[in-house]
C-alpha atoms as a PDB file:
ATOM      1  CA  MET A   1       0.110   0.094  -0.219  1.00  0.00           C
ATOM      2  CA  SER A   2       1.044   3.185  -1.170  1.00  0.00           C
ATOM      3  CA  SER A   3       1.037   6.188   1.871  1.00  0.00           C
ATOM      4  CA  PRO A   4      -1.558   8.598   1.756  1.00  0.00           C
ATOM      5  CA  ARG A   5       0.111  12.023   0.006  1.00  0.00           C
ATOM      6  CA  THR A   6      -0.209  15.026   2.249  1.00  0.00           C
ATOM      7  CA  ALA A   7      -2.081  18.048   1.169  1.00  0.00           C
ATOM      8  CA  PRO A   8       0.187  20.969   0.191  1.00  0.00           C
ATOM      9  CA  GLY A   9      -0.603  23.889   2.766  1.00  0.00           C
ATOM     10  CA  PRO A  10      -0.984  27.280   1.658  1.00  0.00           C
ATOM     11  CA  SER A  11       2.400  28.460   0.247  1.00  0.00           C
ATOM     12  CA  LYS A  12       3.766  31.429   2.266  1.00  0.00           C
ATOM     13  CA  ALA A  13       3.541  35.086   0.396  1.00  0.00           C
ATOM     14  CA  ALA A  14       7.023  36.375  -0.110  1.00  0.00           C
ATOM     15  CA  PRO A  15       6.790  39.696   1.891  1.00  0.00           C
ATOM     16  CA  SER A  16       5.930  42.917  -0.529  1.00  0.00           C
ATOM     17  CA  LYS A  17       7.925  46.119  -0.541  1.00  0.00           C
ATOM     18  CA  SER A  18       5.944  48.899   0.292  1.00  0.00           C
ATOM     19  CA  ALA A  19       6.249  52.572  -0.863  1.00  0.00           C
ATOM     20  CA  GLY A  20       9.169  54.006   1.260  1.00  0.00           C
ATOM     21  CA  GLY A  21       9.397  50.614   3.475  1.00  0.00           C
ATOM     22  CA  ARG A  22      12.341  48.107   2.937  1.00  0.00           C
ATOM     23  CA  ARG A  23      12.148  44.432   1.902  1.00  0.00           C
ATOM     24  CA  GLY A  24      11.168  42.373   5.381  1.00  0.00           C
ATOM     25  CA  GLU A  25       9.791  45.051   7.389  1.00  0.00           C
ATOM     26  CA  LYS A  26       6.506  44.142   9.271  1.00  0.00           C
ATOM     27  CA  PRO A  27       3.348  45.752   8.351  1.00  0.00           C
ATOM     28  CA  ALA A  28       1.798  48.263  10.387  1.00  0.00           C
ATOM     29  CA  ILE A  29      -1.351  45.948  11.447  1.00  0.00           C
ATOM     30  CA  GLY A  30      -0.581  43.178  13.424  1.00  0.00           C
ATOM     31  CA  ARG A  31      -2.954  39.979  13.832  1.00  0.00           C
ATOM     32  CA  GLN A  32      -6.359  40.034  12.942  1.00  0.00           C
ATOM     33  CA  GLY A  33      -8.614  41.999  15.302  1.00  0.00           C
ATOM     34  CA  GLU A  34      -5.989  44.192  16.837  1.00  0.00           C
ATOM     35  CA  LYS A  35      -5.842  47.759  16.150  1.00  0.00           C
ATOM     36  CA  ALA A  36      -2.639  49.669  14.958  1.00  0.00           C
ATOM     37  CA  ALA A  37      -0.765  51.058  17.722  1.00  0.00           C
ATOM     38  CA  PRO A  38      -0.958  55.110  17.381  1.00  0.00           C
ATOM     39  CA  VAL A  39       2.801  56.894  16.486  1.00  0.00           C
ATOM     40  CA  LYS A  40       3.878  58.406  19.487  1.00  0.00           C
ATOM     41  CA  GLY A  41       5.770  61.746  18.167  1.00  0.00           C
ATOM     42  CA  PRO A  42       8.174  63.494  20.083  1.00  0.00           C
ATOM     43  CA  LYS A  43       6.762  64.616  23.652  1.00  0.00           C
ATOM     44  CA  ALA A  44       6.053  68.447  24.310  1.00  0.00           C
ATOM     45  CA  PRO A  45       8.028  70.142  26.818  1.00  0.00           C
ATOM     46  CA  LYS A  46       6.344  70.582  29.757  1.00  0.00           C
ATOM     47  CA  SER A  47       5.117  74.064  30.704  1.00  0.00           C
ATOM     48  CA  ALA A  48       6.066  75.811  33.461  1.00  0.00           C
ATOM     49  CA  LEU A  49       2.680  77.444  34.170  1.00  0.00           C
ATOM     50  CA  PRO A  50       0.076  75.669  35.881  1.00  0.00           C
ATOM     51  CA  LYS A  51      -2.851  74.410  33.589  1.00  0.00           C
ATOM     52  CA  ALA A  52      -5.312  76.897  33.486  1.00  0.00           C
ATOM     53  CA  GLN A  53      -9.076  75.919  35.518  1.00  0.00           C
ATOM     54  CA  PRO A  54     -12.129  76.898  33.866  1.00  0.00           C
ATOM     55  CA  PRO A  55     -13.476  79.882  36.211  1.00  0.00           C
ATOM     56  CA  LYS A  56     -15.596  78.713  39.366  1.00  0.00           C
ATOM     57  CA  PRO A  57     -19.013  80.086  39.237  1.00  0.00           C
ATOM     58  CA  PRO A  58     -19.390  82.813  42.399  1.00  0.00           C
ATOM     59  CA  SER A  59     -20.453  81.613  45.159  1.00  0.00           C
ATOM     60  CA  ASN A  60     -24.097  82.443  45.627  1.00  0.00           C
ATOM     61  CA  ARG A  61     -24.176  81.787  49.633  1.00  0.00           C
ATOM     62  CA  ALA A  62     -24.186  85.846  49.830  1.00  0.00           C
ATOM     63  CA  GLU A  63     -27.005  86.092  47.217  1.00  0.00           C
ATOM     64  CA  ARG A  64     -28.991  83.198  49.566  1.00  0.00           C
ATOM     65  CA  THR A  65     -28.078  85.148  52.905  1.00  0.00           C
ATOM     66  CA  ALA A  66     -29.909  88.259  51.749  1.00  0.00           C
ATOM     67  CA  GLU A  67     -33.037  87.018  50.274  1.00  0.00           C
ATOM     68  CA  ARG A  68     -33.222  84.918  53.449  1.00  0.00           C
ATOM     69  CA  ARG A  69     -33.016  88.509  55.411  1.00  0.00           C
ATOM     70  CA  GLU A  70     -35.346  90.199  52.506  1.00  0.00           C
ATOM     71  CA  ALA A  71     -37.818  87.271  53.199  1.00  0.00           C
ATOM     72  CA  ILE A  72     -37.459  87.797  56.972  1.00  0.00           C
ATOM     73  CA  ILE A  73     -38.043  91.342  56.532  1.00  0.00           C
ATOM     74  CA  GLU A  74     -41.229  91.436  53.994  1.00  0.00           C
ATOM     75  CA  ALA A  75     -42.713  88.903  56.506  1.00  0.00           C
ATOM     76  CA  ALA A  76     -42.100  91.121  59.614  1.00  0.00           C
ATOM     77  CA  LEU A  77     -43.882  93.727  57.863  1.00  0.00           C
ATOM     78  CA  ASP A  78     -46.964  91.691  57.184  1.00  0.00           C
ATOM     79  CA  GLU A  79     -47.058  90.764  60.794  1.00  0.00           C
ATOM     80  CA  PHE A  80     -46.602  94.189  61.806  1.00  0.00           C
ATOM     81  CA  ILE A  81     -48.900  95.733  59.737  1.00  0.00           C
ATOM     82  CA  SER A  82     -51.881  92.742  60.192  1.00  0.00           C
ATOM     83  CA  ARG A  83     -51.077  92.395  64.654  1.00  0.00           C
ATOM     84  CA  GLY A  84     -49.381  95.577  65.405  1.00  0.00           C
ATOM     85  CA  PHE A  85     -46.283  96.074  66.831  1.00  0.00           C
ATOM     86  CA  THR A  86     -47.062  94.425  70.822  1.00  0.00           C
ATOM     87  CA  ALA A  87     -49.320  91.086  68.966  1.00  0.00           C
ATOM     88  CA  THR A  88     -46.310  90.184  66.350  1.00  0.00           C
ATOM     89  CA  ARG A  89     -44.298  87.299  67.551  1.00  0.00           C
ATOM     90  CA  ILE A  90     -40.795  85.737  66.370  1.00  0.00           C
ATOM     91  CA  ASP A  91     -42.642  82.634  65.620  1.00  0.00           C
ATOM     92  CA  ASP A  92     -44.678  83.963  63.669  1.00  0.00           C
ATOM     93  CA  VAL A  93     -42.667  86.251  61.592  1.00  0.00           C
ATOM     94  CA  ALA A  94     -40.237  82.911  60.922  1.00  0.00           C
ATOM     95  CA  ARG A  95     -43.673  80.984  59.809  1.00  0.00           C
ATOM     96  CA  ARG A  96     -44.150  83.418  57.304  1.00  0.00           C
ATOM     97  CA  ALA A  97     -41.166  83.909  56.364  1.00  0.00           C
ATOM     98  CA  GLY A  98     -40.326  79.847  55.763  1.00  0.00           C
ATOM     99  CA  VAL A  99     -37.678  80.049  58.075  1.00  0.00           C
ATOM    100  CA  ALA A 100     -36.839  78.615  61.267  1.00  0.00           C
ATOM    101  CA  LYS A 101     -36.810  80.724  64.661  1.00  0.00           C
ATOM    102  CA  GLY A 102     -32.972  80.605  65.305  1.00  0.00           C
ATOM    103  CA  THR A 103     -32.637  81.880  61.887  1.00  0.00           C
ATOM    104  CA  ILE A 104     -34.189  84.932  62.391  1.00  0.00           C
ATOM    105  CA  TYR A 105     -31.865  85.635  65.521  1.00  0.00           C
ATOM    106  CA  LEU A 106     -29.159  85.084  63.018  1.00  0.00           C
ATOM    107  CA  HIS A 107     -29.626  88.595  61.192  1.00  0.00           C
ATOM    108  CA  PHE A 108     -31.683  90.338  64.255  1.00  0.00           C
ATOM    109  CA  LYS A 109     -31.308  89.966  67.931  1.00  0.00           C
ATOM    110  CA  ASP A 110     -34.993  91.191  68.693  1.00  0.00           C
ATOM    111  CA  LYS A 111     -38.454  92.116  67.682  1.00  0.00           C
ATOM    112  CA  GLU A 112     -37.333  95.687  67.977  1.00  0.00           C
ATOM    113  CA  SER A 113     -34.261  95.551  65.622  1.00  0.00           C
ATOM    114  CA  MET A 114     -36.334  94.273  63.316  1.00  0.00           C
ATOM    115  CA  PHE A 115     -38.584  97.267  63.052  1.00  0.00           C
ATOM    116  CA  GLU A 116     -35.683  99.272  62.877  1.00  0.00           C
ATOM    117  CA  GLU A 117     -34.413  97.299  59.547  1.00  0.00           C
ATOM    118  CA  LEU A 118     -37.866  98.062  57.802  1.00  0.00           C
ATOM    119  CA  ILE A 119     -37.449 102.200  58.943  1.00  0.00           C
ATOM    120  CA  ARG A 120     -33.857 101.805  57.760  1.00  0.00           C
ATOM    121  CA  THR A 121     -34.613  99.895  54.514  1.00  0.00           C
ATOM    122  CA  ALA A 122     -38.002 101.796  53.509  1.00  0.00           C
ATOM    123  CA  LEU A 123     -37.858 105.348  54.720  1.00  0.00           C
ATOM    124  CA  VAL A 124     -34.097 106.201  55.278  1.00  0.00           C
ATOM    125  CA  PRO A 125     -33.529 106.304  51.283  1.00  0.00           C
ATOM    126  CA  LEU A 126     -36.364 108.644  50.478  1.00  0.00           C
ATOM    127  CA  ILE A 127     -35.644 111.281  53.388  1.00  0.00           C
ATOM    128  CA  GLY A 128     -32.002 111.543  51.839  1.00  0.00           C
ATOM    129  CA  ARG A 129     -33.630 112.668  48.594  1.00  0.00           C
ATOM    130  CA  LEU A 130     -34.206 115.982  50.804  1.00  0.00           C
ATOM    131  CA  HIS A 131     -30.474 116.764  51.086  1.00  0.00           C
ATOM    132  CA  ALA A 132     -30.038 116.982  47.228  1.00  0.00           C
ATOM    133  CA  PRO A 133     -30.013 120.959  46.198  1.00  0.00           C
ATOM    134  CA  PRO A 134     -32.447 121.960  43.344  1.00  0.00           C
ATOM    135  CA  PRO A 135     -31.388 121.336  39.659  1.00  0.00           C
ATOM    136  CA  ILE A 136     -29.555 124.423  38.342  1.00  0.00           C
ATOM    137  CA  GLY A 137     -32.855 126.743  37.212  1.00  0.00           C
ATOM    138  CA  GLY A 138     -35.033 124.958  38.716  1.00  0.00           C
ATOM    139  CA  SER A 139     -37.042 126.780  41.953  1.00  0.00           C
ATOM    140  CA  VAL A 140     -36.723 125.431  45.623  1.00  0.00           C
ATOM    141  CA  ARG A 141     -41.013 125.083  45.196  1.00  0.00           C
ATOM    142  CA  ASP A 142     -40.165 122.692  42.353  1.00  0.00           C
ATOM    143  CA  ALA A 143     -37.700 120.797  44.502  1.00  0.00           C
ATOM    144  CA  VAL A 144     -40.296 120.348  47.145  1.00  0.00           C
ATOM    145  CA  GLU A 145     -42.832 119.593  45.229  1.00  0.00           C
ATOM    146  CA  ALA A 146     -41.253 116.933  43.630  1.00  0.00           C
ATOM    147  CA  PHE A 147     -40.093 115.491  47.017  1.00  0.00           C
ATOM    148  CA  ALA A 148     -43.803 115.776  48.168  1.00  0.00           C
ATOM    149  CA  ARG A 149     -44.973 113.806  45.017  1.00  0.00           C
ATOM    150  CA  THR A 150     -42.547 111.441  45.529  1.00  0.00           C
ATOM    151  CA  PHE A 151     -43.496 110.495  49.440  1.00  0.00           C
ATOM    152  CA  ILE A 152     -47.223 110.312  48.881  1.00  0.00           C
ATOM    153  CA  GLN A 153     -46.704 107.921  45.687  1.00  0.00           C
ATOM    154  CA  GLU A 154     -44.078 106.052  47.326  1.00  0.00           C
ATOM    155  CA  VAL A 155     -45.360 105.971  51.262  1.00  0.00           C
ATOM    156  CA  ALA A 156     -48.769 107.348  51.793  1.00  0.00           C
ATOM    157  CA  ALA A 157     -50.408 105.059  48.802  1.00  0.00           C
ATOM    158  CA  THR A 158     -48.188 102.501  49.677  1.00  0.00           C
ATOM    159  CA  ARG A 159     -47.608  99.644  52.622  1.00  0.00           C
ATOM    160  CA  ARG A 160     -44.623 102.133  53.671  1.00  0.00           C
ATOM    161  CA  GLY A 161     -47.527 104.348  55.205  1.00  0.00           C
ATOM    162  CA  ASP A 162     -48.520 101.636  57.508  1.00  0.00           C
ATOM    163  CA  ILE A 163     -45.366 101.749  58.871  1.00  0.00           C
ATOM    164  CA  VAL A 164     -45.292 105.489  59.719  1.00  0.00           C
ATOM    165  CA  ARG A 165     -48.701 104.718  61.090  1.00  0.00           C
ATOM    166  CA  LEU A 166     -47.358 102.126  63.488  1.00  0.00           C
ATOM    167  CA  ILE A 167     -45.385 104.123  64.807  1.00  0.00           C
ATOM    168  CA  VAL A 168     -47.714 107.176  65.320  1.00  0.00           C
ATOM    169  CA  ALA A 169     -50.216 104.049  67.330  1.00  0.00           C
ATOM    170  CA  GLU A 170     -47.548 102.402  68.975  1.00  0.00           C
ATOM    171  CA  GLY A 171     -44.534 104.925  69.339  1.00  0.00           C
ATOM    172  CA  PRO A 172     -45.559 106.212  72.968  1.00  0.00           C
ATOM    173  CA  ARG A 173     -45.652 102.557  74.225  1.00  0.00           C
ATOM    174  CA  PHE A 174     -42.018 101.698  72.703  1.00  0.00           C
ATOM    175  CA  PRO A 175     -39.715 105.214  73.055  1.00  0.00           C
ATOM    176  CA  SER A 176     -37.056 103.319  71.685  1.00  0.00           C
ATOM    177  CA  ILE A 177     -38.621 103.004  68.148  1.00  0.00           C
ATOM    178  CA  ALA A 178     -40.046 106.587  68.150  1.00  0.00           C
ATOM    179  CA  ASP A 179     -36.645 107.433  69.805  1.00  0.00           C
ATOM    180  CA  PHE A 180     -34.902 105.854  66.106  1.00  0.00           C
ATOM    181  CA  TYR A 181     -37.519 106.588  64.047  1.00  0.00           C
ATOM    182  CA  TYR A 182     -36.952 110.264  65.037  1.00  0.00           C
ATOM    183  CA  ARG A 183     -33.058 110.299  64.803  1.00  0.00           C
ATOM    184  CA  GLU A 184     -33.264 108.150  61.411  1.00  0.00           C
ATOM    185  CA  VAL A 185     -36.341 109.484  59.634  1.00  0.00           C
ATOM    186  CA  VAL A 186     -37.904 112.766  61.692  1.00  0.00           C
ATOM    187  CA  SER A 187     -34.521 114.891  62.387  1.00  0.00           C
ATOM    188  CA  ARG A 188     -32.617 113.883  58.709  1.00  0.00           C
ATOM    189  CA  GLY A 189     -36.202 115.368  57.224  1.00  0.00           C
ATOM    190  CA  LEU A 190     -36.629 118.461  59.256  1.00  0.00           C
ATOM    191  CA  ALA A 191     -33.003 119.506  58.388  1.00  0.00           C
ATOM    192  CA  GLY A 192     -33.431 118.861  54.659  1.00  0.00           C
ATOM    193  CA  MET A 193     -36.557 120.792  54.441  1.00  0.00           C
ATOM    194  CA  ARG A 194     -35.248 123.909  56.680  1.00  0.00           C
ATOM    195  CA  ALA A 195     -32.374 123.841  54.455  1.00  0.00           C
ATOM    196  CA  LEU A 196     -34.830 124.405  51.036  1.00  0.00           C
ATOM    197  CA  ILE A 197     -36.586 127.138  53.257  1.00  0.00           C
ATOM    198  CA  GLU A 198     -33.550 129.418  54.066  1.00  0.00           C
ATOM    199  CA  LEU A 199     -32.511 128.860  50.346  1.00  0.00           C
ATOM    200  CA  ALA A 200     -36.141 129.786  49.062  1.00  0.00           C
ATOM    201  CA  VAL A 201     -35.779 132.980  51.229  1.00  0.00           C
ATOM    202  CA  SER A 202     -32.526 133.699  50.502  1.00  0.00           C
ATOM    203  CA  ARG A 203     -34.047 133.948  46.563  1.00  0.00           C
ATOM    204  CA  GLY A 204     -36.899 135.831  47.308  1.00  0.00           C
ATOM    205  CA  GLU A 205     -39.239 132.530  46.619  1.00  0.00           C
ATOM    206  CA  ILE A 206     -40.507 132.793  50.547  1.00  0.00           C
ATOM    207  CA  GLN A 207     -41.128 135.721  52.362  1.00  0.00           C
ATOM    208  CA  GLN A 208     -42.193 134.538  55.289  1.00  0.00           C
ATOM    209  CA  LYS A 209     -38.250 133.970  57.029  1.00  0.00           C
ATOM    210  CA  ASN A 210     -39.928 132.281  60.466  1.00  0.00           C
ATOM    211  CA  LEU A 211     -40.712 129.261  58.164  1.00  0.00           C
ATOM    212  CA  ALA A 212     -37.444 127.995  58.487  1.00  0.00           C
ATOM    213  CA  ARG A 213     -37.942 127.969  62.329  1.00  0.00           C
ATOM    214  CA  PHE A 214     -41.185 125.616  61.928  1.00  0.00           C
ATOM    215  CA  PRO A 215     -40.455 123.048  58.814  1.00  0.00           C
ATOM    216  CA  GLN A 216     -42.865 121.018  60.058  1.00  0.00           C
ATOM    217  CA  ILE A 217     -45.756 123.549  58.664  1.00  0.00           C
ATOM    218  CA  LEU A 218     -44.126 122.570  54.914  1.00  0.00           C
ATOM    219  CA  VAL A 219     -44.102 118.809  55.474  1.00  0.00           C
ATOM    220  CA  ALA A 220     -47.684 118.769  57.209  1.00  0.00           C
ATOM    221  CA  PRO A 221     -49.947 117.811  54.454  1.00  0.00           C
ATOM    222  CA  ALA A 222     -47.849 114.851  53.621  1.00  0.00           C
ATOM    223  CA  ILE A 223     -48.166 113.457  57.382  1.00  0.00           C
ATOM    224  CA  ILE A 224     -51.746 114.017  56.608  1.00  0.00           C
ATOM    225  CA  ALA A 225     -51.979 111.924  53.863  1.00  0.00           C
ATOM    226  CA  VAL A 226     -50.384 109.029  55.732  1.00  0.00           C
ATOM    227  CA  ILE A 227     -53.222 109.254  58.431  1.00  0.00           C
ATOM    228  CA  TRP A 228     -55.712 109.856  56.098  1.00  0.00           C
ATOM    229  CA  GLN A 229     -55.351 107.160  53.776  1.00  0.00           C
ATOM    230  CA  SER A 230     -55.977 104.292  56.776  1.00  0.00           C
ATOM    231  CA  LEU A 231     -58.712 105.717  58.620  1.00  0.00           C
ATOM    232  CA  PHE A 232     -60.608 107.877  55.823  1.00  0.00           C
ATOM    233  CA  SER A 233     -60.212 107.775  52.037  1.00  0.00           C
ATOM    234  CA  ARG A 234     -62.835 105.039  52.275  1.00  0.00           C
ATOM    235  CA  HIS A 235     -65.435 107.829  52.765  1.00  0.00           C
ATOM    236  CA  ALA A 236     -63.667 110.772  51.337  1.00  0.00           C
ATOM    237  CA  PRO A 237     -61.123 109.956  48.762  1.00  0.00           C
ATOM    238  CA  LEU A 238     -57.846 112.589  48.786  1.00  0.00           C
ATOM    239  CA  ASP A 239     -55.962 113.712  46.595  1.00  0.00           C
ATOM    240  CA  ALA A 240     -53.000 114.259  48.661  1.00  0.00           C
ATOM    241  CA  ILE A 241     -50.514 115.480  45.523  1.00  0.00           C
ATOM    242  CA  GLU A 242     -53.684 118.257  44.509  1.00  0.00           C
ATOM    243  CA  MET A 243     -53.952 119.228  48.628  1.00  0.00           C
ATOM    244  CA  PHE A 244     -50.037 119.667  48.680  1.00  0.00           C
ATOM    245  CA  ARG A 245     -50.188 122.306  45.914  1.00  0.00           C
ATOM    246  CA  VAL A 246     -52.454 124.206  47.065  1.00  0.00           C
ATOM    247  CA  HIS A 247     -50.656 124.159  50.729  1.00  0.00           C
ATOM    248  CA  LEU A 248     -47.528 125.581  48.627  1.00  0.00           C
ATOM    249  CA  ASP A 249     -49.426 128.053  46.886  1.00  0.00           C
ATOM    250  CA  LEU A 250     -50.337 129.244  50.614  1.00  0.00           C
ATOM    251  CA  ILE A 251     -46.189 129.805  51.307  1.00  0.00           C
ATOM    252  CA  PHE A 252     -44.603 130.612  48.011  1.00  0.00           C
ATOM    253  CA  GLY A 253     -47.856 132.323  46.599  1.00  0.00           C
ATOM    254  CA  GLU A 254     -49.845 131.294  43.714  1.00  0.00           C
ATOM    255  CA  ARG A 255     -47.690 130.307  40.572  1.00  0.00           C
ATOM    256  CA  ARG A 256     -48.433 132.651  37.664  1.00  0.00           C
ATOM    257  CA  THR A 257     -49.722 131.053  34.208  1.00  0.00           C
ATOM    258  CA  THR A 258     -48.602 132.216  30.996  1.00  0.00           C
END
């Protein structure tokens, strides 16, 4: 018997010479399924400067604190208006503001300091406008009338007026609050009005020189408007701005119409 012939295996192909390569070089692709290793270039020199980090967003912790404080003040105003100063409790303010009672004491030591903050934020900036001199070419009367219009629109006709009414109603029982209001609002307002009156006298706009001794007379209609708005407006609505114009006619003289 003759031995069986062995089937010839596949012949090995001779390595081909690729463009730019030499005979006998191994191809870039290895075994089937393997990826070619990336060609590594020369390492870039390390920079002496640290890598620039993306800017971090500004911390909003201060913003959250300010918002929480504002919510407390707003809630305190609601409670003071609805309950009065005496009956308002810190617990009620915290509940309305949506914060813990302890959070209130992080911002205010007691109920009085909370009420003082209402005065400081709602009324003091408005009084500060009185100390600005009249615009060039403008009369003192125009400056006083502009302030009165702002006071009536932003205080007498808004919830800021409720702060003034609370002080009038409960100030005698809480002298410290009345003292704070006088120091921060009344005394500054009177000083500003007195300066405007003296300027008007020097310009000849006001003939009565003694008016500077009683600047309360000049602002009396504004206080009347605040009180009238809460007590009698539903019976007899008051045009406070027009009333103030008539009041200024008595002090400065009637405007001449052309």
